[in-house]
Structure formats: C-alpha cells, structure tokens
C-alpha cells in the first residue's frame, strides 16, 4: 500500500497520529482549532486560484494598454486582489519582461514630446505613475541632449500656431498660455517668441 502524504500541517493532529505529542494541557490539538482536509484543500485552492486570476487580470490589462509596475499594482488592488498576490503577480511579470518601467517611461517621454509637453511636465507625469526618480532623471537628461527646450517650443509654434500672427497680442497671449500649460517656463517662452 502506498502511503499518501498529506500537505495539511494539522493532518497528524486531525487523525490522532502523534496526538500525545501535539496536545496541550486543555486537550485540544495546538492553540488554533485544526482545519479539516476539505477546509485546508479549499484554502489552498482559493489562494492558488486568486494568484491565477490575478495573473490573468494583469495580462488582460497589459494587452489593452501599457502600465508601470505601480499603476498595475494599484489597479489589481482595486480589483480586490490581496497585496501578496498582487506583488507576486507584478514580480512574475517583471521577470518575464511584460513590465519594464524604463521602457514604459521612455515610450511615455517620446509620445509626450510629440504631443508638445515639456520635459518638466513629463517628469511630473512619470513620477505620478510610480516611476523611480533615478529612471526619470536619467531618461529626462538623455532626452534633453536630443532636443532642446527652444526646439520643443519651435515645434509647437510651427504645429499649433503656424497660421496665427503672434505679433497680435491676443494670439501671443494664447500661444504663451498654451505653452505654460504644457509645462514650459515663462522665461524660455519669452526668449523664443520675442
């Protein structure tokens, strides 16, 4: 007969084996009531199912959009996954290359520059998305060397305001207001527009 090993830590106590060594003075088996095999099995299955469902939910979200690790972690918590399951899911996705904050940040920077956002505003955005400040600083400095603030402003003026006469005060104020909302400094704007 093959002896089947039970993974339930309370198995011996449940079935009277080693009962003498595990009973305390009150006659029960340990300080907590023992789980039955079905309770243990259900508990083990539900944690495993939660981890599997957490991974499926994360992959579904990543298929629809890209996320930083922090953003995905927060979304999984909002879907009522526990912190341990959520962290394990994030760690596995990082190991497999499905989440990479550096690549996410670089893509976000490139897309934001194309949309006319300043590097200051982009850095703030990345910080709010949970990207590590070291990654943000490194990538922002890298992009500063590739495009200057003046070039960014020129691109926005050429794209957004090419048909406006900026010598007219109303148009000038409109352009300045837009650039300020995009995170550019007043002095950089004035240097360029004057």
Protein backbone atom coordinates (compact mmCIF):
# COMPACT_ATOMS: atom_id res chain seq x y z
CA UNK A 1 0.00 0.00 0.00
CA UNK A 2 1.37 3.42 -0.96
CA UNK A 3 1.38 5.96 1.82
CA UNK A 4 -0.02 9.26 0.58
CA UNK A 5 1.49 12.30 2.25
CA UNK A 6 -0.98 14.99 3.24
CA UNK A 7 0.13 18.62 2.89
CA UNK A 8 -2.17 19.82 5.67
CA UNK A 9 0.08 20.74 8.63
CA UNK A 10 -2.67 19.66 11.03
CA UNK A 11 -3.09 16.21 9.45
CA UNK A 12 -1.46 14.27 12.25
CA UNK A 13 -3.46 16.11 14.85
CA UNK A 14 -6.69 15.63 12.90
CA UNK A 15 -6.38 11.89 12.70
CA UNK A 16 -4.92 11.16 16.12
CA UNK A 17 -1.42 10.33 14.98
CA UNK A 18 1.12 11.80 17.33
CA UNK A 19 -1.82 13.09 19.37
CA UNK A 20 0.05 12.70 22.64
CA UNK A 21 2.91 14.92 21.49
CA UNK A 22 0.71 17.64 19.97
CA UNK A 23 -1.97 18.01 22.62
CA UNK A 24 -1.65 20.86 25.04
CA UNK A 25 -3.00 20.91 28.59
CA UNK A 26 -6.54 21.72 27.51
CA UNK A 27 -6.70 18.54 25.45
CA UNK A 28 -7.04 20.19 22.07
CA UNK A 29 -4.54 19.95 19.26
CA UNK A 30 -2.47 23.15 19.27
CA UNK A 31 -3.69 26.65 20.07
CA UNK A 32 -5.88 27.01 16.95
CA UNK A 33 -8.65 24.62 16.02
CA UNK A 34 -7.43 22.19 13.38
CA UNK A 35 -8.61 22.53 9.80
CA UNK A 36 -10.26 19.60 8.20
CA UNK A 37 -8.74 18.27 4.98
CA UNK A 38 -11.51 19.86 2.94
CA UNK A 39 -11.00 23.25 4.64
CA UNK A 40 -7.24 23.06 4.03
CA UNK A 41 -7.72 21.99 0.43
CA UNK A 42 -10.26 24.78 -0.18
CA UNK A 43 -7.97 27.37 1.43
CA UNK A 44 -5.00 26.20 -0.66
CA UNK A 45 -7.09 26.14 -3.87
CA UNK A 46 -8.55 29.59 -3.29
CA UNK A 47 -5.09 31.16 -2.86
CA UNK A 48 -3.88 29.39 -5.98
CA UNK A 49 -7.00 30.42 -7.88
CA UNK A 50 -6.58 34.01 -6.72
CA UNK A 51 -2.97 34.06 -7.96
CA UNK A 52 -4.01 32.58 -11.31
CA UNK A 53 -6.89 35.03 -11.65
CA UNK A 54 -4.60 37.91 -10.66
CA UNK A 55 -2.15 36.95 -13.40
CA UNK A 56 -4.96 36.65 -15.95
CA UNK A 57 -6.37 40.03 -14.96
CA UNK A 58 -2.93 41.65 -15.20
CA UNK A 59 -2.22 40.16 -18.63
CA UNK A 60 -5.65 41.27 -19.87
CA UNK A 61 -4.93 44.82 -18.70
CA UNK A 62 -1.47 44.79 -20.30
CA UNK A 63 -2.97 43.57 -23.59
CA UNK A 64 -5.15 46.68 -23.69
CA UNK A 65 -2.61 49.26 -22.54
CA UNK A 66 0.88 49.62 -21.14
CA UNK A 67 1.34 50.24 -17.42
CA UNK A 68 4.11 50.99 -15.00
CA UNK A 69 4.54 48.42 -12.24
CA UNK A 70 2.98 50.81 -9.70
CA UNK A 71 -0.03 51.56 -11.88
CA UNK A 72 -0.72 47.87 -12.49
CA UNK A 73 -0.23 47.10 -8.79
CA UNK A 74 -2.81 49.77 -7.87
CA UNK A 75 -5.28 48.51 -10.48
CA UNK A 76 -5.04 44.94 -9.21
CA UNK A 77 -5.61 46.09 -5.64
CA UNK A 78 -8.72 47.96 -6.80
CA UNK A 79 -9.97 44.69 -8.27
CA UNK A 80 -9.81 43.21 -4.74
CA UNK A 81 -6.69 41.10 -5.10
CA UNK A 82 -4.73 40.93 -1.87
CA UNK A 83 -1.35 42.64 -1.56
CA UNK A 84 0.67 39.42 -1.52
CA UNK A 85 -0.99 38.03 -4.67
CA UNK A 86 -0.65 41.39 -6.39
CA UNK A 87 3.05 41.74 -5.55
CA UNK A 88 3.78 38.16 -6.66
CA UNK A 89 1.97 38.82 -9.94
CA UNK A 90 3.94 42.04 -10.54
CA UNK A 91 7.23 40.28 -9.74
CA UNK A 92 6.47 37.45 -12.19
CA UNK A 93 5.51 39.90 -14.92
CA UNK A 94 8.76 41.82 -14.38
CA UNK A 95 10.79 38.59 -14.55
CA UNK A 96 9.12 37.66 -17.83
CA UNK A 97 9.61 41.14 -19.30
CA UNK A 98 5.92 42.06 -19.51
CA UNK A 99 6.51 45.06 -17.23
CA UNK A 100 9.56 47.27 -17.66
CA UNK A 101 9.36 50.71 -16.06
CA UNK A 102 12.34 52.03 -18.01
CA UNK A 103 10.87 51.12 -21.41
CA UNK A 104 7.47 52.38 -20.30
CA UNK A 105 8.99 55.72 -19.24
CA UNK A 106 11.00 56.11 -22.47
CA UNK A 107 7.90 55.47 -24.60
CA UNK A 108 5.90 57.89 -22.48
CA UNK A 109 8.59 60.58 -22.87
CA UNK A 110 8.75 60.16 -26.66
CA UNK A 111 4.96 60.28 -27.05
CA UNK A 112 4.65 63.26 -24.71
CA UNK A 113 7.35 65.21 -26.58
CA UNK A 114 5.45 64.58 -29.83
CA UNK A 115 2.33 65.96 -28.15
CA UNK A 116 4.23 69.13 -27.20
CA UNK A 117 4.71 68.54 -23.47
CA UNK A 118 7.75 69.98 -21.75
CA UNK A 119 10.29 67.71 -20.09
CA UNK A 120 9.34 69.23 -16.70
CA UNK A 121 5.70 68.24 -17.16
CA UNK A 122 6.70 64.80 -18.45
CA UNK A 123 8.90 64.20 -15.38
CA UNK A 124 5.98 65.09 -13.11
CA UNK A 125 3.68 62.77 -15.05
CA UNK A 126 6.14 59.87 -14.76
CA UNK A 127 6.54 60.45 -11.05
CA UNK A 128 2.77 60.31 -10.59
CA UNK A 129 2.77 57.00 -12.46
CA UNK A 130 5.16 55.49 -9.93
CA UNK A 131 8.36 55.54 -11.97
CA UNK A 132 11.53 55.63 -9.84
CA UNK A 133 13.12 59.09 -9.70
CA UNK A 134 16.51 57.70 -10.79
CA UNK A 135 14.97 56.35 -14.01
CA UNK A 136 13.13 59.63 -14.61
CA UNK A 137 16.25 61.78 -14.14
CA UNK A 138 18.38 59.57 -16.38
CA UNK A 139 15.85 59.48 -19.20
CA UNK A 140 14.98 63.19 -18.97
CA UNK A 141 18.69 64.10 -19.15
CA UNK A 142 19.13 61.76 -22.11
CA UNK A 143 16.24 63.44 -23.92
CA UNK A 144 17.48 66.95 -23.05
CA UNK A 145 20.60 66.19 -25.02
CA UNK A 146 18.49 65.12 -28.00
CA UNK A 147 16.10 68.09 -28.13
CA UNK A 148 16.43 71.50 -26.54
CA UNK A 149 13.62 73.45 -24.92
CA UNK A 150 13.85 76.02 -27.72
CA UNK A 151 13.47 73.28 -30.34
CA UNK A 152 10.43 71.93 -28.49
CA UNK A 153 8.84 75.38 -28.38
CA UNK A 154 9.62 75.91 -32.08
CA UNK A 155 7.97 72.59 -32.97
CA UNK A 156 4.83 73.51 -31.00
CA UNK A 157 4.62 77.01 -32.53
CA UNK A 158 5.07 75.57 -36.03
CA UNK A 159 2.47 72.89 -35.41
CA UNK A 160 -0.18 74.67 -33.31
CA UNK A 161 0.18 78.33 -34.17
CA UNK A 162 1.57 78.40 -37.71
CA UNK A 163 -1.46 80.29 -39.07
CA UNK A 164 -1.55 82.89 -36.29
CA UNK A 165 0.20 86.23 -36.33
CA UNK A 166 1.96 86.24 -32.94
CA UNK A 167 2.55 90.00 -33.18
CA UNK A 168 -1.15 90.40 -32.32
CA UNK A 169 -1.37 90.50 -28.53
CA UNK A 170 -4.40 88.16 -28.34
CA UNK A 171 -2.62 85.47 -30.40
CA UNK A 172 0.61 86.00 -28.48
CA UNK A 173 -1.18 85.53 -25.13
CA UNK A 174 -2.94 82.44 -26.45
CA UNK A 175 0.37 80.86 -27.50
CA UNK A 176 2.07 81.75 -24.20
CA UNK A 177 -0.85 80.36 -22.17
CA UNK A 178 -0.76 77.12 -24.13
CA UNK A 179 2.99 76.71 -23.67
CA UNK A 180 2.72 77.42 -19.94
CA UNK A 181 0.04 74.72 -19.61
CA UNK A 182 2.42 72.32 -21.33
CA UNK A 183 4.96 72.93 -18.56
CA UNK A 184 7.38 75.36 -20.23
CA UNK A 185 8.96 78.12 -18.16
CA UNK A 186 7.84 81.72 -18.80
CA UNK A 187 11.42 82.89 -19.45
CA UNK A 188 12.04 80.14 -22.05
CA UNK A 189 8.82 81.06 -23.84
CA UNK A 190 9.63 84.77 -23.86
CA UNK A 191 13.19 84.15 -25.15
CA UNK A 192 11.80 82.24 -28.07
CA UNK A 193 8.75 84.30 -29.00
CA UNK A 194 10.45 87.72 -28.79
